[in-house]
Amino acid sequence: MAPRLDIVFLALADPTRRAILSMLLEDDMAVTDVAAPLPMSLAAVSKHLRVLAEAGLISQERRGRVTWCKLEPGALREASVWMAGFGQMEGLDLDAFEAFLARELGEG
């Protein structure tokens, strides 16, 4: 497996990071808004965001004093293409991915 995919799957392995991705499926969010519903410090959330950004799953942009986070589905597509090689998966369906995340997080 390519080192890039290793980083993506490592990032997806953590339930907190999957929860963050699920939130960002809805819309771009400020870091403080991402952190608000999570039971951890802002510093801990920032570490999770850094892992997601290093994997290419999100991007962050500073606007004034606020840092915004945005989902970047390209890395998910790359992982999806790799998984499709097993013949059990179709192309990336973000609605299905969101439903999967909701089930994994006990929200659906």
PDB file of N, CA and C in Angstrom:
ATOM      1  N   MET A   1       0.864  -1.178   0.000  1.00  0.00           N
ATOM      2  CA  MET A   1       0.000   0.000   0.000  1.00  0.00           C
ATOM      3  C   MET A   1       0.907   1.237   0.000  1.00  0.00           C
ATOM      4  N   ALA A   2       0.454   2.245  -0.688  1.00  0.00           N
ATOM      5  CA  ALA A   2       1.221   3.489  -0.779  1.00  0.00           C
ATOM      6  C   ALA A   2       1.273   4.180   0.579  1.00  0.00           C
ATOM      7  N   PRO A   3       2.408   4.823   0.880  1.00  0.00           N
ATOM      8  CA  PRO A   3       2.520   5.545   2.163  1.00  0.00           C
ATOM      9  C   PRO A   3       1.392   6.555   2.361  1.00  0.00           C
ATOM     10  N   ARG A   4       0.945   7.202   1.287  1.00  0.00           N
ATOM     11  CA  ARG A   4      -0.150   8.181   1.388  1.00  0.00           C
ATOM     12  C   ARG A   4      -1.418   7.501   1.908  1.00  0.00           C
ATOM     13  N   LEU A   5      -1.716   6.311   1.396  1.00  0.00           N
ATOM     14  CA  LEU A   5      -2.904   5.585   1.865  1.00  0.00           C
ATOM     15  C   LEU A   5      -2.754   5.163   3.321  1.00  0.00           C
ATOM     16  N   ASP A   6      -1.538   4.808   3.726  1.00  0.00           N
ATOM     17  CA  ASP A   6      -1.305   4.461   5.127  1.00  0.00           C
ATOM     18  C   ASP A   6      -1.722   5.620   6.032  1.00  0.00           C
ATOM     19  N   ILE A   7      -1.361   6.821   5.632  1.00  0.00           N
ATOM     20  CA  ILE A   7      -1.681   8.012   6.429  1.00  0.00           C
ATOM     21  C   ILE A   7      -3.195   8.235   6.467  1.00  0.00           C
ATOM     22  N   VAL A   8      -3.856   8.044   5.327  1.00  0.00           N
ATOM     23  CA  VAL A   8      -5.316   8.223   5.266  1.00  0.00           C
ATOM     24  C   VAL A   8      -6.004   7.215   6.171  1.00  0.00           C
ATOM     25  N   PHE A   9      -5.641   5.933   6.052  1.00  0.00           N
ATOM     26  CA  PHE A   9      -6.306   4.912   6.868  1.00  0.00           C
ATOM     27  C   PHE A   9      -5.968   5.070   8.351  1.00  0.00           C
ATOM     28  N   LEU A  10      -4.772   5.517   8.663  1.00  0.00           N
ATOM     29  CA  LEU A  10      -4.429   5.799  10.053  1.00  0.00           C
ATOM     30  C   LEU A  10      -5.329   6.910  10.603  1.00  0.00           C
ATOM     31  N   ALA A  11      -5.533   7.947   9.800  1.00  0.00           N
ATOM     32  CA  ALA A  11      -6.397   9.046  10.228  1.00  0.00           C
ATOM     33  C   ALA A  11      -7.836   8.566  10.417  1.00  0.00           C
ATOM     34  N   LEU A  12      -8.311   7.699   9.524  1.00  0.00           N
ATOM     35  CA  LEU A  12      -9.695   7.206   9.605  1.00  0.00           C
ATOM     36  C   LEU A  12      -9.895   6.189  10.721  1.00  0.00           C
ATOM     37  N   ALA A  13      -8.814   5.646  11.266  1.00  0.00           N
ATOM     38  CA  ALA A  13      -8.920   4.614  12.296  1.00  0.00           C
ATOM     39  C   ALA A  13      -9.440   5.145  13.631  1.00  0.00           C
ATOM     40  N   ASP A  14      -9.356   6.435  13.840  1.00  0.00           N
ATOM     41  CA  ASP A  14      -9.742   7.017  15.129  1.00  0.00           C
ATOM     42  C   ASP A  14     -11.187   7.504  15.095  1.00  0.00           C
ATOM     43  N   PRO A  15     -12.017   7.092  16.068  1.00  0.00           N
ATOM     44  CA  PRO A  15     -13.422   7.502  16.070  1.00  0.00           C
ATOM     45  C   PRO A  15     -13.636   9.011  16.200  1.00  0.00           C
ATOM     46  N   THR A  16     -12.765   9.694  16.907  1.00  0.00           N
ATOM     47  CA  THR A  16     -12.898  11.148  17.020  1.00  0.00           C
ATOM     48  C   THR A  16     -12.684  11.804  15.662  1.00  0.00           C
ATOM     49  N   ARG A  17     -11.691  11.330  14.931  1.00  0.00           N
ATOM     50  CA  ARG A  17     -11.442  11.910  13.610  1.00  0.00           C
ATOM     51  C   ARG A  17     -12.573  11.597  12.640  1.00  0.00           C
ATOM     52  N   ARG A  18     -13.154  10.401  12.752  1.00  0.00           N
ATOM     53  CA  ARG A  18     -14.317  10.085  11.907  1.00  0.00           C
ATOM     54  C   ARG A  18     -15.487  10.985  12.275  1.00  0.00           C
ATOM     55  N   ALA A  19     -15.655  11.287  13.557  1.00  0.00           N
ATOM     56  CA  ALA A  19     -16.727  12.195  13.981  1.00  0.00           C
ATOM     57  C   ALA A  19     -16.513  13.587  13.406  1.00  0.00           C
ATOM     58  N   ILE A  20     -15.276  14.033  13.403  1.00  0.00           N
ATOM     59  CA  ILE A  20     -14.961  15.352  12.845  1.00  0.00           C
ATOM     60  C   ILE A  20     -15.280  15.370  11.353  1.00  0.00           C
ATOM     61  N   LEU A  21     -14.898  14.326  10.629  1.00  0.00           N
ATOM     62  CA  LEU A  21     -15.213  14.257   9.199  1.00  0.00           C
ATOM     63  C   LEU A  21     -16.722  14.283   8.972  1.00  0.00           C
ATOM     64  N   SER A  22     -17.445  13.593   9.823  1.00  0.00           N
ATOM     65  CA  SER A  22     -18.903  13.583   9.715  1.00  0.00           C
ATOM     66  C   SER A  22     -19.468  14.989   9.891  1.00  0.00           C
ATOM     67  N   MET A  23     -18.938  15.732  10.838  1.00  0.00           N
ATOM     68  CA  MET A  23     -19.379  17.115  11.037  1.00  0.00           C
ATOM     69  C   MET A  23     -19.076  17.970   9.816  1.00  0.00           C
ATOM     70  N   LEU A  24     -17.901  17.751   9.232  1.00  0.00           N
ATOM     71  CA  LEU A  24     -17.483  18.568   8.093  1.00  0.00           C
ATOM     72  C   LEU A  24     -18.184  18.182   6.798  1.00  0.00           C
ATOM     73  N   LEU A  25     -18.865  17.037   6.790  1.00  0.00           N
ATOM     74  CA  LEU A  25     -19.688  16.685   5.632  1.00  0.00           C
ATOM     75  C   LEU A  25     -20.823  17.684   5.466  1.00  0.00           C
ATOM     76  N   GLU A  26     -21.273  18.236   6.583  1.00  0.00           N
ATOM     77  CA  GLU A  26     -22.385  19.191   6.568  1.00  0.00           C
ATOM     78  C   GLU A  26     -21.968  20.545   6.004  1.00  0.00           C
ATOM     79  N   ASP A  27     -20.816  21.048   6.449  1.00  0.00           N
ATOM     80  CA  ASP A  27     -20.373  22.375   6.033  1.00  0.00           C
ATOM     81  C   ASP A  27     -18.982  22.636   6.611  1.00  0.00           C
ATOM     82  N   ASP A  28     -18.328  23.657   6.102  1.00  0.00           N
ATOM     83  CA  ASP A  28     -17.069  24.111   6.694  1.00  0.00           C
ATOM     84  C   ASP A  28     -17.373  24.584   8.116  1.00  0.00           C
ATOM     85  N   MET A  29     -16.398  24.428   8.998  1.00  0.00           N
ATOM     86  CA  MET A  29     -16.608  24.815  10.390  1.00  0.00           C
ATOM     87  C   MET A  29     -15.359  25.463  10.955  1.00  0.00           C
ATOM     88  N   ALA A  30     -15.554  26.383  11.883  1.00  0.00           N
ATOM     89  CA  ALA A  30     -14.447  26.942  12.651  1.00  0.00           C
ATOM     90  C   ALA A  30     -13.944  25.873  13.620  1.00  0.00           C
ATOM     91  N   VAL A  31     -12.668  25.915  13.929  1.00  0.00           N
ATOM     92  CA  VAL A  31     -12.079  24.935  14.842  1.00  0.00           C
ATOM     93  C   VAL A  31     -12.843  24.892  16.161  1.00  0.00           C
ATOM     94  N   THR A  32     -13.211  26.047  16.684  1.00  0.00           N
ATOM     95  CA  THR A  32     -13.936  26.075  17.962  1.00  0.00           C
ATOM     96  C   THR A  32     -15.308  25.394  17.849  1.00  0.00           C
ATOM     97  N   ASP A  33     -15.946  25.493  16.679  1.00  0.00           N
ATOM     98  CA  ASP A  33     -17.232  24.819  16.476  1.00  0.00           C
ATOM     99  C   ASP A  33     -17.053  23.309  16.355  1.00  0.00           C
ATOM    100  N   VAL A  34     -15.954  22.900  15.741  1.00  0.00           N
ATOM    101  CA  VAL A  34     -15.651  21.469  15.670  1.00  0.00           C
ATOM    102  C   VAL A  34     -15.438  20.928  17.083  1.00  0.00           C
ATOM    103  N   ALA A  35     -14.730  21.677  17.910  1.00  0.00           N
ATOM    104  CA  ALA A  35     -14.384  21.224  19.259  1.00  0.00           C
ATOM    105  C   ALA A  35     -15.568  21.225  20.213  1.00  0.00           C
ATOM    106  N   ALA A  36     -16.537  22.095  19.986  1.00  0.00           N
ATOM    107  CA  ALA A  36     -17.626  22.289  20.952  1.00  0.00           C
ATOM    108  C   ALA A  36     -18.321  20.994  21.392  1.00  0.00           C
ATOM    109  N   PRO A  37     -18.739  20.109  20.479  1.00  0.00           N
ATOM    110  CA  PRO A  37     -19.457  18.917  20.940  1.00  0.00           C
ATOM    111  C   PRO A  37     -18.552  17.768  21.397  1.00  0.00           C
ATOM    112  N   LEU A  38     -17.256  17.918  21.263  1.00  0.00           N
ATOM    113  CA  LEU A  38     -16.343  16.830  21.596  1.00  0.00           C
ATOM    114  C   LEU A  38     -15.887  16.916  23.048  1.00  0.00           C
ATOM    115  N   PRO A  39     -15.823  15.769  23.731  1.00  0.00           N
ATOM    116  CA  PRO A  39     -15.463  15.753  25.156  1.00  0.00           C
ATOM    117  C   PRO A  39     -13.956  15.771  25.388  1.00  0.00           C
ATOM    118  N   MET A  40     -13.295  16.811  24.855  1.00  0.00           N
ATOM    119  CA  MET A  40     -11.843  16.924  25.029  1.00  0.00           C
ATOM    120  C   MET A  40     -11.448  18.380  24.887  1.00  0.00           C
ATOM    121  N   SER A  41     -10.210  18.659  25.199  1.00  0.00           N
ATOM    122  CA  SER A  41      -9.721  20.030  25.141  1.00  0.00           C
ATOM    123  C   SER A  41      -9.569  20.488  23.690  1.00  0.00           C
ATOM    124  N   LEU A  42      -9.509  21.799  23.522  1.00  0.00           N
ATOM    125  CA  LEU A  42      -9.274  22.382  22.209  1.00  0.00           C
ATOM    126  C   LEU A  42      -7.918  21.932  21.668  1.00  0.00           C
ATOM    127  N   ALA A  43      -6.931  21.795  22.541  1.00  0.00           N
ATOM    128  CA  ALA A  43      -5.600  21.334  22.119  1.00  0.00           C
ATOM    129  C   ALA A  43      -5.675  19.908  21.567  1.00  0.00           C
ATOM    130  N   ALA A  44      -6.449  19.046  22.210  1.00  0.00           N
ATOM    131  CA  ALA A  44      -6.596  17.665  21.732  1.00  0.00           C
ATOM    132  C   ALA A  44      -7.304  17.637  20.380  1.00  0.00           C
ATOM    133  N   VAL A  45      -8.344  18.451  20.218  1.00  0.00           N
ATOM    134  CA  VAL A  45      -9.052  18.533  18.943  1.00  0.00           C
ATOM    135  C   VAL A  45      -8.097  19.043  17.861  1.00  0.00           C
ATOM    136  N   SER A  46      -7.287  20.016  18.201  1.00  0.00           N
ATOM    137  CA  SER A  46      -6.322  20.556  17.239  1.00  0.00           C
ATOM    138  C   SER A  46      -5.349  19.481  16.756  1.00  0.00           C
ATOM    139  N   LYS A  47      -4.945  18.577  17.651  1.00  0.00           N
ATOM    140  CA  LYS A  47      -4.063  17.479  17.254  1.00  0.00           C
ATOM    141  C   LYS A  47      -4.774  16.558  16.261  1.00  0.00           C
ATOM    142  N   HIS A  48      -6.053  16.256  16.522  1.00  0.00           N
ATOM    143  CA  HIS A  48      -6.824  15.426  15.593  1.00  0.00           C
ATOM    144  C   HIS A  48      -6.959  16.125  14.236  1.00  0.00           C
ATOM    145  N   LEU A  49      -7.201  17.422  14.263  1.00  0.00           N
ATOM    146  CA  LEU A  49      -7.316  18.177  13.012  1.00  0.00           C
ATOM    147  C   LEU A  49      -6.003  18.163  12.239  1.00  0.00           C
ATOM    148  N   ARG A  50      -4.902  18.223  12.944  1.00  0.00           N
ATOM    149  CA  ARG A  50      -3.590  18.190  12.291  1.00  0.00           C
ATOM    150  C   ARG A  50      -3.392  16.850  11.572  1.00  0.00           C
ATOM    151  N   VAL A  51      -3.784  15.751  12.213  1.00  0.00           N
ATOM    152  CA  VAL A  51      -3.668  14.424  11.586  1.00  0.00           C
ATOM    153  C   VAL A  51      -4.522  14.363  10.327  1.00  0.00           C
ATOM    154  N   LEU A  52      -5.752  14.875  10.423  1.00  0.00           N
ATOM    155  CA  LEU A  52      -6.646  14.873   9.260  1.00  0.00           C
ATOM    156  C   LEU A  52      -6.073  15.730   8.129  1.00  0.00           C
ATOM    157  N   ALA A  53      -5.492  16.873   8.476  1.00  0.00           N
ATOM    158  CA  ALA A  53      -4.907  17.753   7.464  1.00  0.00           C
ATOM    159  C   ALA A  53      -3.682  17.104   6.822  1.00  0.00           C
ATOM    160  N   GLU A  54      -2.829  16.462   7.623  1.00  0.00           N
ATOM    161  CA  GLU A  54      -1.642  15.794   7.086  1.00  0.00           C
ATOM    162  C   GLU A  54      -2.022  14.653   6.152  1.00  0.00           C
ATOM    163  N   ALA A  55      -3.175  14.037   6.394  1.00  0.00           N
ATOM    164  CA  ALA A  55      -3.663  12.959   5.527  1.00  0.00           C
ATOM    165  C   ALA A  55      -4.352  13.506   4.280  1.00  0.00           C
ATOM    166  N   GLY A  56      -4.552  14.817   4.241  1.00  0.00           N
ATOM    167  CA  GLY A  56      -5.216  15.433   3.102  1.00  0.00           C
ATOM    168  C   GLY A  56      -6.727  15.325   3.147  1.00  0.00           C
ATOM    169  N   LEU A  57      -7.265  14.897   4.292  1.00  0.00           N
ATOM    170  CA  LEU A  57      -8.712  14.721   4.430  1.00  0.00           C
ATOM    171  C   LEU A  57      -9.437  16.033   4.691  1.00  0.00           C
ATOM    172  N   ILE A  58      -8.727  17.001   5.264  1.00  0.00           N
ATOM    173  CA  ILE A  58      -9.299  18.328   5.480  1.00  0.00           C
ATOM    174  C   ILE A  58      -8.256  19.376   5.102  1.00  0.00           C
ATOM    175  N   SER A  59      -8.739  20.579   4.894  1.00  0.00           N
ATOM    176  CA  SER A  59      -7.832  21.722   4.758  1.00  0.00           C
ATOM    177  C   SER A  59      -8.241  22.729   5.819  1.00  0.00           C
ATOM    178  N   GLN A  60      -7.309  23.571   6.191  1.00  0.00           N
ATOM    179  CA  GLN A  60      -7.583  24.612   7.173  1.00  0.00           C
ATOM    180  C   GLN A  60      -7.171  25.947   6.579  1.00  0.00           C
ATOM    181  N   GLU A  61      -7.995  26.955   6.849  1.00  0.00           N
ATOM    182  CA  GLU A  61      -7.730  28.300   6.336  1.00  0.00           C
ATOM    183  C   GLU A  61      -7.960  29.305   7.447  1.00  0.00           C
ATOM    184  N   ARG A  62      -7.011  30.168   7.615  1.00  0.00           N
ATOM    185  CA  ARG A  62      -7.110  31.229   8.626  1.00  0.00           C
ATOM    186  C   ARG A  62      -7.859  32.405   8.020  1.00  0.00           C
ATOM    187  N   ARG A  63      -8.942  32.824   8.670  1.00  0.00           N
ATOM    188  CA  ARG A  63      -9.706  34.007   8.268  1.00  0.00           C
ATOM    189  C   ARG A  63      -9.781  34.929   9.484  1.00  0.00           C
ATOM    190  N   GLY A  64      -8.953  35.943   9.476  1.00  0.00           N
ATOM    191  CA  GLY A  64      -8.872  36.805  10.657  1.00  0.00           C
ATOM    192  C   GLY A  64      -8.302  36.013  11.818  1.00  0.00           C
ATOM    193  N   ARG A  65      -9.034  35.977  12.916  1.00  0.00           N
ATOM    194  CA  ARG A  65      -8.590  35.235  14.102  1.00  0.00           C
ATOM    195  C   ARG A  65      -9.160  33.824  14.161  1.00  0.00           C
ATOM    196  N   VAL A  66      -9.919  33.447  13.139  1.00  0.00           N
ATOM    197  CA  VAL A  66     -10.609  32.152  13.151  1.00  0.00           C
ATOM    198  C   VAL A  66      -9.995  31.221  12.111  1.00  0.00           C
ATOM    199  N   THR A  67      -9.756  29.979  12.519  1.00  0.00           N
ATOM    200  CA  THR A  67      -9.290  28.951  11.586  1.00  0.00           C
ATOM    201  C   THR A  67     -10.480  28.088  11.198  1.00  0.00           C
ATOM    202  N   TRP A  68     -10.706  27.981   9.883  1.00  0.00           N
ATOM    203  CA  TRP A  68     -11.823  27.216   9.340  1.00  0.00           C
ATOM    204  C   TRP A  68     -11.316  25.889   8.804  1.00  0.00           C
ATOM    205  N   CYS A  69     -12.141  24.861   8.929  1.00  0.00           N
ATOM    206  CA  CYS A  69     -11.820  23.522   8.448  1.00  0.00           C
ATOM    207  C   CYS A  69     -12.792  23.151   7.342  1.00  0.00           C
ATOM    208  N   LYS A  70     -12.262  22.490   6.322  1.00  0.00           N
ATOM    209  CA  LYS A  70     -13.073  22.094   5.175  1.00  0.00           C
ATOM    210  C   LYS A  70     -12.730  20.662   4.796  1.00  0.00           C
ATOM    211  N   LEU A  71     -13.741  19.859   4.534  1.00  0.00           N
ATOM    212  CA  LEU A  71     -13.541  18.489   4.078  1.00  0.00           C
ATOM    213  C   LEU A  71     -12.916  18.503   2.686  1.00  0.00           C
ATOM    214  N   GLU A  72     -11.921  17.660   2.483  1.00  0.00           N
ATOM    215  CA  GLU A  72     -11.257  17.515   1.182  1.00  0.00           C
ATOM    216  C   GLU A  72     -11.428  16.063   0.741  1.00  0.00           C
ATOM    217  N   PRO A  73     -12.431  15.768  -0.082  1.00  0.00           N
ATOM    218  CA  PRO A  73     -12.753  14.378  -0.406  1.00  0.00           C
ATOM    219  C   PRO A  73     -11.739  13.669  -1.302  1.00  0.00           C
ATOM    220  N   GLY A  74     -10.757  14.363  -1.834  1.00  0.00           N
ATOM    221  CA  GLY A  74      -9.776  13.725  -2.714  1.00  0.00           C
ATOM    222  C   GLY A  74      -9.079  12.539  -2.074  1.00  0.00           C
ATOM    223  N   ALA A  75      -8.665  12.660  -0.822  1.00  0.00           N
ATOM    224  CA  ALA A  75      -7.979  11.557  -0.145  1.00  0.00           C
ATOM    225  C   ALA A  75      -8.925  10.384   0.070  1.00  0.00           C
ATOM    226  N   LEU A  76     -10.197  10.667   0.297  1.00  0.00           N
ATOM    227  CA  LEU A  76     -11.178   9.595   0.428  1.00  0.00           C
ATOM    228  C   LEU A  76     -11.363   8.872  -0.901  1.00  0.00           C
ATOM    229  N   ARG A  77     -11.327   9.623  -1.985  1.00  0.00           N
ATOM    230  CA  ARG A  77     -11.450   9.005  -3.311  1.00  0.00           C
ATOM    231  C   ARG A  77     -10.295   8.043  -3.566  1.00  0.00           C
ATOM    232  N   GLU A  78      -9.093   8.483  -3.197  1.00  0.00           N
ATOM    233  CA  GLU A  78      -7.908   7.635  -3.379  1.00  0.00           C
ATOM    234  C   GLU A  78      -8.058   6.328  -2.590  1.00  0.00           C
ATOM    235  N   ALA A  79      -8.536   6.434  -1.361  1.00  0.00           N
ATOM    236  CA  ALA A  79      -8.759   5.240  -0.542  1.00  0.00           C
ATOM    237  C   ALA A  79      -9.868   4.381  -1.145  1.00  0.00           C
ATOM    238  N   SER A  80     -10.897   5.019  -1.666  1.00  0.00           N
ATOM    239  CA  SER A  80     -12.005   4.301  -2.287  1.00  0.00           C
ATOM    240  C   SER A  80     -11.541   3.525  -3.511  1.00  0.00           C
ATOM    241  N   VAL A  81     -10.686   4.140  -4.317  1.00  0.00           N
ATOM    242  CA  VAL A  81     -10.146   3.459  -5.503  1.00  0.00           C
ATOM    243  C   VAL A  81      -9.350   2.233  -5.072  1.00  0.00           C
ATOM    244  N   TRP A  82      -8.555   2.375  -4.022  1.00  0.00           N
ATOM    245  CA  TRP A  82      -7.782   1.244  -3.526  1.00  0.00           C
ATOM    246  C   TRP A  82      -8.710   0.124  -3.065  1.00  0.00           C
ATOM    247  N   MET A  83      -9.753   0.476  -2.312  1.00  0.00           N
ATOM    248  CA  MET A  83     -10.689  -0.532  -1.815  1.00  0.00           C
ATOM    249  C   MET A  83     -11.491  -1.159  -2.948  1.00  0.00           C
ATOM    250  N   ALA A  84     -11.782  -0.397  -3.993  1.00  0.00           N
ATOM    251  CA  ALA A  84     -12.532  -0.919  -5.140  1.00  0.00           C
ATOM    252  C   ALA A  84     -11.768  -2.052  -5.814  1.00  0.00           C
ATOM    253  N   GLY A  85     -10.469  -2.071  -5.643  1.00  0.00           N
ATOM    254  CA  GLY A  85      -9.660  -3.149  -6.200  1.00  0.00           C
ATOM    255  C   GLY A  85     -10.032  -4.511  -5.656  1.00  0.00           C
ATOM    256  N   PHE A  86     -10.743  -4.544  -4.566  1.00  0.00           N
ATOM    257  CA  PHE A  86     -11.196  -5.809  -3.993  1.00  0.00           C
ATOM    258  C   PHE A  86     -12.516  -6.256  -4.600  1.00  0.00           C
ATOM    259  N   GLY A  87     -13.087  -5.414  -5.477  1.00  0.00           N
ATOM    260  CA  GLY A  87     -14.311  -5.780  -6.179  1.00  0.00           C
ATOM    261  C   GLY A  87     -15.563  -5.734  -5.338  1.00  0.00           C
ATOM    262  N   GLN A  88     -15.478  -5.181  -4.151  1.00  0.00           N
ATOM    263  CA  GLN A  88     -16.639  -5.165  -3.265  1.00  0.00           C
ATOM    264  C   GLN A  88     -17.205  -3.774  -3.077  1.00  0.00           C
ATOM    265  N   MET A  89     -16.586  -2.780  -3.720  1.00  0.00           N
ATOM    266  CA  MET A  89     -17.028  -1.418  -3.491  1.00  0.00           C
ATOM    267  C   MET A  89     -17.195  -0.692  -4.813  1.00  0.00           C
ATOM    268  N   GLU A  90     -18.176   0.157  -4.865  1.00  0.00           N
ATOM    269  CA  GLU A  90     -18.385   1.034  -6.014  1.00  0.00           C
ATOM    270  C   GLU A  90     -17.570   2.307  -5.777  1.00  0.00           C
ATOM    271  N   GLY A  91     -17.723   3.292  -6.642  1.00  0.00           N
ATOM    272  CA  GLY A  91     -17.079   4.585  -6.459  1.00  0.00           C
ATOM    273  C   GLY A  91     -17.539   5.247  -5.171  1.00  0.00           C
ATOM    274  N   LEU A  92     -16.833   6.258  -4.760  1.00  0.00           N
ATOM    275  CA  LEU A  92     -17.132   6.956  -3.516  1.00  0.00           C
ATOM    276  C   LEU A  92     -18.502   7.606  -3.572  1.00  0.00           C
ATOM    277  N   ASP A  93     -19.331   7.292  -2.603  1.00  0.00           N
ATOM    278  CA  ASP A  93     -20.660   7.874  -2.462  1.00  0.00           C
ATOM    279  C   ASP A  93     -20.664   8.592  -1.115  1.00  0.00           C
ATOM    280  N   LEU A  94     -20.553   9.910  -1.142  1.00  0.00           N
ATOM    281  CA  LEU A  94     -20.439  10.660   0.115  1.00  0.00           C
ATOM    282  C   LEU A  94     -21.672  10.510   0.993  1.00  0.00           C
ATOM    283  N   ASP A  95     -22.871  10.343   0.395  1.00  0.00           N
ATOM    284  CA  ASP A  95     -24.071  10.116   1.207  1.00  0.00           C
ATOM    285  C   ASP A  95     -23.959   8.795   1.955  1.00  0.00           C
ATOM    286  N   ALA A  96     -23.489   7.759   1.267  1.00  0.00           N
ATOM    287  CA  ALA A  96     -23.310   6.461   1.918  1.00  0.00           C
ATOM    288  C   ALA A  96     -22.220   6.547   2.981  1.00  0.00           C
ATOM    289  N   PHE A  97     -21.159   7.302   2.689  1.00  0.00           N
ATOM    290  CA  PHE A  97     -20.081   7.461   3.662  1.00  0.00           C
ATOM    291  C   PHE A  97     -20.592   8.177   4.915  1.00  0.00           C
ATOM    292  N   GLU A  98     -21.413   9.204   4.720  1.00  0.00           N
ATOM    293  CA  GLU A  98     -21.988   9.919   5.856  1.00  0.00           C
ATOM    294  C   GLU A  98     -22.871   8.985   6.679  1.00  0.00           C
ATOM    295  N   ALA A  99     -23.693   8.159   6.011  1.00  0.00           N
ATOM    296  CA  ALA A  99     -24.545   7.206   6.726  1.00  0.00           C
ATOM    297  C   ALA A  99     -23.690   6.209   7.503  1.00  0.00           C
ATOM    298  N   PHE A 100     -22.589   5.757   6.886  1.00  0.00           N
ATOM    299  CA  PHE A 100     -21.674   4.847   7.564  1.00  0.00           C
ATOM    300  C   PHE A 100     -21.099   5.493   8.827  1.00  0.00           C
ATOM    301  N   LEU A 101     -20.643   6.733   8.694  1.00  0.00           N
ATOM    302  CA  LEU A 101     -20.090   7.439   9.854  1.00  0.00           C
ATOM    303  C   LEU A 101     -21.133   7.597  10.947  1.00  0.00           C
ATOM    304  N   ALA A 102     -22.362   7.921  10.566  1.00  0.00           N
ATOM    305  CA  ALA A 102     -23.429   8.086  11.556  1.00  0.00           C
ATOM    306  C   ALA A 102     -23.666   6.773  12.301  1.00  0.00           C
ATOM    307  N   ARG A 103     -23.686   5.663  11.553  1.00  0.00           N
ATOM    308  CA  ARG A 103     -23.876   4.349  12.203  1.00  0.00           C
ATOM    309  C   ARG A 103     -22.723   4.050  13.136  1.00  0.00           C
ATOM    310  N   GLU A 104     -21.489   4.294  12.677  1.00  0.00           N
ATOM    311  CA  GLU A 104     -20.305   4.019  13.482  1.00  0.00           C
ATOM    312  C   GLU A 104     -20.295   4.836  14.777  1.00  0.00           C
ATOM    313  N   LEU A 105     -20.837   6.027  14.697  1.00  0.00           N
ATOM    314  CA  LEU A 105     -20.829   6.918  15.853  1.00  0.00           C
ATOM    315  C   LEU A 105     -22.099   6.799  16.675  1.00  0.00           C
ATOM    316  N   GLY A 106     -22.979   5.864  16.294  1.00  0.00           N
ATOM    317  CA  GLY A 106     -24.215   5.641  17.035  1.00  0.00           C
ATOM    318  C   GLY A 106     -25.226   6.750  16.899  1.00  0.00           C
ATOM    319  N   GLU A 107     -25.165   7.491  15.779  1.00  0.00           N
ATOM    320  CA  GLU A 107     -26.080   8.610  15.576  1.00  0.00           C
ATOM    321  C   GLU A 107     -27.197   8.243  14.617  1.00  0.00           C
ATOM    322  N   GLY A 108     -27.249   7.073  14.115  1.00  0.00           N
ATOM    323  CA  GLY A 108     -28.241   6.729  13.114  1.00  0.00           C
ATOM    324  C   GLY A 108     -28.754   5.411  13.363  1.00  0.00           C
TER     325      GLY A 108
END
